[in-house]
Each structure stands twice: as C-alpha cells, then as structure tokens.
Protein backbone atom coordinates (compact mmCIF):
# COMPACT_ATOMS: atom_id res chain seq x y z
CA UNK A 1 -22.44 3.00 22.92
CA UNK A 2 -20.36 2.94 19.74
CA UNK A 3 -21.40 1.16 16.58
CA UNK A 4 -19.38 -1.88 15.47
CA UNK A 5 -18.60 -3.42 12.09
CA UNK A 6 -19.02 -7.19 11.80
CA UNK A 7 -17.12 -9.72 9.71
CA UNK A 8 -19.83 -9.28 7.06
CA UNK A 9 -18.00 -6.09 5.99
CA UNK A 10 -16.96 -6.25 2.33
CA UNK A 11 -14.65 -3.21 2.61
CA UNK A 12 -16.65 -1.19 0.09
CA UNK A 13 -15.79 2.04 1.90
CA UNK A 14 -19.24 3.60 1.69
CA UNK A 15 -19.42 4.16 5.46
CA UNK A 16 -16.21 6.12 6.08
CA UNK A 17 -17.06 9.33 4.20
CA UNK A 18 -20.52 9.42 5.82
CA UNK A 19 -19.17 9.50 9.40
CA UNK A 20 -19.50 13.07 10.75
CA UNK A 21 -16.67 12.58 13.27
CA UNK A 22 -14.30 10.48 11.11
CA UNK A 23 -14.43 7.51 13.49
CA UNK A 24 -14.21 4.94 10.67
CA UNK A 25 -10.92 3.81 9.16
CA UNK A 26 -9.81 1.00 6.89
CA UNK A 27 -8.24 -1.93 8.70
CA UNK A 28 -6.32 -4.92 7.36
CA UNK A 29 -9.37 -6.95 6.36
CA UNK A 30 -12.33 -4.63 6.93
CA UNK A 31 -13.27 -1.15 8.11
CA UNK A 32 -13.20 -0.36 11.84
CA UNK A 33 -14.99 2.13 14.07
CA UNK A 34 -13.03 3.80 16.87
CA UNK A 35 -15.33 3.53 19.92
CA UNK A 36 -13.62 6.53 21.53
CA UNK A 37 -14.64 8.77 18.64
CA UNK A 38 -18.02 7.31 17.57
CA UNK A 39 -20.99 9.46 18.62
CA UNK A 40 -23.58 6.70 18.10
CA UNK A 41 -25.44 8.55 15.33
CA UNK A 42 -26.09 5.48 13.13
CA UNK A 43 -25.33 7.21 9.83
CA UNK A 44 -22.85 4.49 8.91
CA UNK A 45 -25.34 1.69 9.59
CA UNK A 46 -27.95 3.36 7.41
CA UNK A 47 -25.58 3.53 4.42
CA UNK A 48 -24.00 0.05 4.72
CA UNK A 49 -25.10 -2.04 1.70
CA UNK A 50 -24.53 -5.38 3.47
CA UNK A 51 -25.90 -4.39 6.91
CA UNK A 52 -22.53 -5.11 8.56
CA UNK A 53 -22.79 -2.20 11.02
CA UNK A 54 -24.85 -2.33 14.21
CA UNK A 55 -24.96 -0.81 17.70
CA UNK A 56 -22.28 -2.28 19.96
CA UNK A 57 -22.98 -4.18 23.14
C-alpha cells in the first residue's frame, strides 16, 4: 500500500530527496507520491515536518 500526501503538505520538498525509489514529485500545489513506484518504506513520512504523509488506504 503506497503512502499518500495530504492537503497539509506545505511543499517544503524535504520528502523527495529521501525517497529511495524516486516516487515523489512536485505537483501543482503540493508534492505527490506515485503509488505504482512507492515501496511503502515510510522514509518520507518520517522526514515530513508537518506530518502530511501517511499510509494510503
């Protein structure tokens, strides 16, 4: 199950360089995680300063 980024994202960019599979990219208003690439490691959630990243449903 891929992680997801909520609307709480402030587009700080701290998550993208931490992703070991480069599943995170900058979108129009916030960063996005590609569920087809995400390996569910949780590294991005651990680094997010506003806790905007969580396991998907």
